[in-house]
């Protein structure tokens, strides 16, 4: 299955504080616990774990929320 993003991709997403950039550090294709909740993931609808460039904060988003940059 081809995923929209892969580990190492530089991406941007919109947060409450404005646009944030970071690098994909992991692609989840199975349901996974994240910050006390189970995030629903599948081959057809993966979620991407991303480390923020600015703060090293880790976020998880679906591909639809991300835009590849660079």
C-alpha atoms as a PDB file:
ATOM      1  CA  UNK A   1       0.000   0.000   0.000  1.00  0.00           C
ATOM      2  CA  UNK A   2       1.328   3.446  -0.900  1.00  0.00           C
ATOM      3  CA  UNK A   3       1.069   6.036   1.861  1.00  0.00           C
ATOM      4  CA  UNK A   4       0.916   9.756   1.170  1.00  0.00           C
ATOM      5  CA  UNK A   5       3.883  10.372   3.484  1.00  0.00           C
ATOM      6  CA  UNK A   6       6.875   8.382   4.664  1.00  0.00           C
ATOM      7  CA  UNK A   7       9.315   8.577   7.570  1.00  0.00           C
ATOM      8  CA  UNK A   8      11.583  11.576   7.111  1.00  0.00           C
ATOM      9  CA  UNK A   9       9.142  13.672   5.062  1.00  0.00           C
ATOM     10  CA  UNK A  10       8.973  17.348   6.047  1.00  0.00           C
ATOM     11  CA  UNK A  11       5.313  18.326   6.508  1.00  0.00           C
ATOM     12  CA  UNK A  12       3.149  21.208   7.655  1.00  0.00           C
ATOM     13  CA  UNK A  13      -0.200  21.234   9.442  1.00  0.00           C
ATOM     14  CA  UNK A  14      -2.548  23.785  10.934  1.00  0.00           C
ATOM     15  CA  UNK A  15      -2.852  23.908  14.721  1.00  0.00           C
ATOM     16  CA  UNK A  16      -4.599  26.227  17.158  1.00  0.00           C
ATOM     17  CA  UNK A  17      -1.394  28.290  17.227  1.00  0.00           C
ATOM     18  CA  UNK A  18      -1.074  28.516  13.421  1.00  0.00           C
ATOM     19  CA  UNK A  19       0.947  26.468  10.969  1.00  0.00           C
ATOM     20  CA  UNK A  20       3.472  24.021  12.412  1.00  0.00           C
ATOM     21  CA  UNK A  21       6.204  22.146  10.562  1.00  0.00           C
ATOM     22  CA  UNK A  22       7.890  18.898  11.442  1.00  0.00           C
ATOM     23  CA  UNK A  23       9.213  15.575  10.212  1.00  0.00           C
ATOM     24  CA  UNK A  24       7.311  12.292  10.026  1.00  0.00           C
ATOM     25  CA  UNK A  25       8.936   9.895  12.487  1.00  0.00           C
ATOM     26  CA  UNK A  26       6.488   6.983  12.264  1.00  0.00           C
ATOM     27  CA  UNK A  27       3.591   5.720  10.136  1.00  0.00           C
ATOM     28  CA  UNK A  28       0.797   3.876  11.993  1.00  0.00           C
ATOM     29  CA  UNK A  29      -1.340   1.394  10.051  1.00  0.00           C
ATOM     30  CA  UNK A  30      -2.920  -0.390  13.025  1.00  0.00           C
ATOM     31  CA  UNK A  31      -4.947   1.010  15.918  1.00  0.00           C
ATOM     32  CA  UNK A  32      -2.487   2.420  18.427  1.00  0.00           C
ATOM     33  CA  UNK A  33      -2.625   3.975  21.900  1.00  0.00           C
ATOM     34  CA  UNK A  34      -1.628   7.637  21.890  1.00  0.00           C
ATOM     35  CA  UNK A  35      -1.794  10.034  24.834  1.00  0.00           C
ATOM     36  CA  UNK A  36      -4.351   7.924  26.688  1.00  0.00           C
ATOM     37  CA  UNK A  37      -6.637   7.229  23.711  1.00  0.00           C
ATOM     38  CA  UNK A  38      -6.727   4.653  20.951  1.00  0.00           C
ATOM     39  CA  UNK A  39      -6.135   6.227  17.544  1.00  0.00           C
ATOM     40  CA  UNK A  40      -7.874   4.388  14.708  1.00  0.00           C
ATOM     41  CA  UNK A  41      -5.432   3.595  11.906  1.00  0.00           C
ATOM     42  CA  UNK A  42      -5.445   1.242   8.933  1.00  0.00           C
ATOM     43  CA  UNK A  43      -3.558   0.546   5.698  1.00  0.00           C
ATOM     44  CA  UNK A  44      -6.151   2.655   3.879  1.00  0.00           C
ATOM     45  CA  UNK A  45      -6.221   5.432   6.482  1.00  0.00           C
ATOM     46  CA  UNK A  46      -2.854   5.650   8.278  1.00  0.00           C
ATOM     47  CA  UNK A  47      -1.923   8.210  10.891  1.00  0.00           C
ATOM     48  CA  UNK A  48       1.446   9.894  10.993  1.00  0.00           C
ATOM     49  CA  UNK A  49       3.517  10.629  14.077  1.00  0.00           C
ATOM     50  CA  UNK A  50       5.381  13.912  13.592  1.00  0.00           C
ATOM     51  CA  UNK A  51       8.063  15.698  15.599  1.00  0.00           C
ATOM     52  CA  UNK A  52       7.684  19.489  15.521  1.00  0.00           C
ATOM     53  CA  UNK A  53      10.695  21.384  14.183  1.00  0.00           C
ATOM     54  CA  UNK A  54      10.302  24.102  16.761  1.00  0.00           C
ATOM     55  CA  UNK A  55       9.556  22.374  20.040  1.00  0.00           C
ATOM     56  CA  UNK A  56      10.269  18.643  19.565  1.00  0.00           C
ATOM     57  CA  UNK A  57       6.577  18.090  20.501  1.00  0.00           C
ATOM     58  CA  UNK A  58       5.158  14.863  19.049  1.00  0.00           C
ATOM     59  CA  UNK A  59       1.804  15.060  17.262  1.00  0.00           C
ATOM     60  CA  UNK A  60      -0.276  12.499  15.366  1.00  0.00           C
ATOM     61  CA  UNK A  61      -2.401  13.384  12.340  1.00  0.00           C
ATOM     62  CA  UNK A  62      -4.172  11.801   9.414  1.00  0.00           C
ATOM     63  CA  UNK A  63      -2.745  12.455   5.981  1.00  0.00           C
ATOM     64  CA  UNK A  64      -5.593  14.808   5.066  1.00  0.00           C
ATOM     65  CA  UNK A  65      -4.374  17.278   7.711  1.00  0.00           C
ATOM     66  CA  UNK A  66      -0.807  17.330   6.374  1.00  0.00           C
ATOM     67  CA  UNK A  67       0.924  19.064   3.496  1.00  0.00           C
ATOM     68  CA  UNK A  68       4.370  17.988   2.270  1.00  0.00           C
ATOM     69  CA  UNK A  69       6.909  20.803   2.082  1.00  0.00           C
ATOM     70  CA  UNK A  70      10.398  21.043   0.624  1.00  0.00           C
END
